[in-house]
Amino acid sequence: MFDLSIEIEMRPKEAEIALQAITPELGARQSARSSTAVNIKKGSLLVGISAGDKTALRAAANAALNSIILSKAILEV
């Protein structure tokens, strides 16, 4: 099993908005090969990914990070 933890510092309100925005997207991308959990801790967005192989881990990380990058870019407009 391969695990990845990512912590992205954001303002608390931005982290809450980003979490609400990306949760449905990440839920739609769940697969049998990986799982992703997103939470907030003291203004940081925490992303936890578990996968059975490196390829699935990379794909899940790319999907999560792309969703977060998009939501952060929208918040900055």
C-alpha atoms as a PDB file:
ATOM      1  CA  MET A   1       0.000   0.000   0.000  1.00  0.00           C
ATOM      2  CA  PHE A   2       1.236   3.488  -0.868  1.00  0.00           C
ATOM      3  CA  ASP A   3       0.184   6.568   1.115  1.00  0.00           C
ATOM      4  CA  LEU A   4       0.617  10.279   0.509  1.00  0.00           C
ATOM      5  CA  SER A   5      -0.212  13.189   2.820  1.00  0.00           C
ATOM      6  CA  ILE A   6      -0.317  16.777   1.590  1.00  0.00           C
ATOM      7  CA  GLU A   7      -0.851  19.905   3.692  1.00  0.00           C
ATOM      8  CA  ILE A   8      -1.691  23.139   1.884  1.00  0.00           C
ATOM      9  CA  GLU A   9      -1.737  26.312   3.970  1.00  0.00           C
ATOM     10  CA  MET A  10      -4.708  28.574   3.267  1.00  0.00           C
ATOM     11  CA  ARG A  11      -6.743  31.142   5.105  1.00  0.00           C
ATOM     12  CA  PRO A  12      -9.447  29.341   7.126  1.00  0.00           C
ATOM     13  CA  LYS A  13     -12.352  30.685   5.025  1.00  0.00           C
ATOM     14  CA  GLU A  14     -10.578  29.780   1.768  1.00  0.00           C
ATOM     15  CA  ALA A  15      -9.843  26.290   3.062  1.00  0.00           C
ATOM     16  CA  GLU A  16     -13.529  25.804   3.911  1.00  0.00           C
ATOM     17  CA  ILE A  17     -14.670  27.017   0.480  1.00  0.00           C
ATOM     18  CA  ALA A  18     -12.059  24.876  -1.291  1.00  0.00           C
ATOM     19  CA  LEU A  19     -13.114  21.815   0.700  1.00  0.00           C
ATOM     20  CA  GLN A  20     -16.757  22.315  -0.255  1.00  0.00           C
ATOM     21  CA  ALA A  21     -15.813  22.850  -3.898  1.00  0.00           C
ATOM     22  CA  ILE A  22     -13.540  19.848  -4.361  1.00  0.00           C
ATOM     23  CA  THR A  23     -15.291  17.223  -2.221  1.00  0.00           C
ATOM     24  CA  PRO A  24     -17.926  16.323  -4.863  1.00  0.00           C
ATOM     25  CA  GLU A  25     -15.269  16.193  -7.580  1.00  0.00           C
ATOM     26  CA  LEU A  26     -12.993  13.893  -5.596  1.00  0.00           C
ATOM     27  CA  GLY A  27     -15.916  11.720  -4.545  1.00  0.00           C
ATOM     28  CA  ALA A  28     -16.838  11.179  -8.193  1.00  0.00           C
ATOM     29  CA  ARG A  29     -13.272  10.044  -8.937  1.00  0.00           C
ATOM     30  CA  GLN A  30     -13.011   7.356  -6.250  1.00  0.00           C
ATOM     31  CA  SER A  31     -11.815   4.054  -7.629  1.00  0.00           C
ATOM     32  CA  ALA A  32     -11.064   0.564  -6.445  1.00  0.00           C
ATOM     33  CA  ARG A  33      -7.339   1.344  -6.759  1.00  0.00           C
ATOM     34  CA  SER A  34      -7.194   4.464  -4.568  1.00  0.00           C
ATOM     35  CA  SER A  35      -9.027   6.526  -1.982  1.00  0.00           C
ATOM     36  CA  THR A  36      -8.742  10.216  -1.149  1.00  0.00           C
ATOM     37  CA  ALA A  37      -9.769  12.079   2.005  1.00  0.00           C
ATOM     38  CA  VAL A  38      -9.728  15.861   2.402  1.00  0.00           C
ATOM     39  CA  ASN A  39     -10.034  17.701   5.726  1.00  0.00           C
ATOM     40  CA  ILE A  40      -9.286  21.070   7.292  1.00  0.00           C
ATOM     41  CA  LYS A  41      -6.891  21.581  10.190  1.00  0.00           C
ATOM     42  CA  LYS A  42      -6.201  25.080  11.530  1.00  0.00           C
ATOM     43  CA  GLY A  43      -6.574  26.775   8.171  1.00  0.00           C
ATOM     44  CA  SER A  44      -4.716  24.125   6.209  1.00  0.00           C
ATOM     45  CA  LEU A  45      -6.243  21.792   3.686  1.00  0.00           C
ATOM     46  CA  LEU A  46      -5.128  18.234   4.413  1.00  0.00           C
ATOM     47  CA  VAL A  47      -5.218  15.672   1.636  1.00  0.00           C
ATOM     48  CA  GLY A  48      -4.654  11.989   2.357  1.00  0.00           C
ATOM     49  CA  ILE A  49      -4.339   9.496  -0.479  1.00  0.00           C
ATOM     50  CA  SER A  50      -3.951   5.721  -0.280  1.00  0.00           C
ATOM     51  CA  ALA A  51      -3.412   3.493  -3.279  1.00  0.00           C
ATOM     52  CA  GLY A  52      -2.469  -0.056  -4.071  1.00  0.00           C
ATOM     53  CA  ASP A  53       0.214   0.914  -6.586  1.00  0.00           C
ATOM     54  CA  LYS A  54       2.374   3.895  -7.530  1.00  0.00           C
ATOM     55  CA  THR A  55       0.500   4.633 -10.739  1.00  0.00           C
ATOM     56  CA  ALA A  56      -2.839   4.867  -8.941  1.00  0.00           C
ATOM     57  CA  LEU A  57      -1.256   7.048  -6.249  1.00  0.00           C
ATOM     58  CA  ARG A  58       0.114   9.459  -8.854  1.00  0.00           C
ATOM     59  CA  ALA A  59      -3.212   9.617 -10.710  1.00  0.00           C
ATOM     60  CA  ALA A  60      -5.148  10.291  -7.499  1.00  0.00           C
ATOM     61  CA  ALA A  61      -2.629  12.943  -6.405  1.00  0.00           C
ATOM     62  CA  ASN A  62      -2.841  14.679  -9.787  1.00  0.00           C
ATOM     63  CA  ALA A  63      -6.649  14.683  -9.652  1.00  0.00           C
ATOM     64  CA  ALA A  64      -6.727  16.081  -6.115  1.00  0.00           C
ATOM     65  CA  LEU A  65      -4.070  18.731  -6.746  1.00  0.00           C
ATOM     66  CA  ASN A  66      -5.657  19.861 -10.019  1.00  0.00           C
ATOM     67  CA  SER A  67      -9.002  20.335  -8.245  1.00  0.00           C
ATOM     68  CA  ILE A  68      -7.330  22.271  -5.423  1.00  0.00           C
ATOM     69  CA  ILE A  69      -5.345  24.459  -7.834  1.00  0.00           C
ATOM     70  CA  LEU A  70      -8.516  25.273  -9.765  1.00  0.00           C
ATOM     71  CA  SER A  71     -10.498  26.157  -6.644  1.00  0.00           C
ATOM     72  CA  LYS A  72      -7.628  28.316  -5.332  1.00  0.00           C
ATOM     73  CA  ALA A  73      -7.382  30.143  -8.669  1.00  0.00           C
ATOM     74  CA  ILE A  74     -11.118  30.851  -8.620  1.00  0.00           C
ATOM     75  CA  LEU A  75     -10.891  32.207  -5.073  1.00  0.00           C
ATOM     76  CA  GLU A  76      -8.116  34.610  -6.139  1.00  0.00           C
ATOM     77  CA  VAL A  77     -10.252  36.231  -8.864  1.00  0.00           C
END
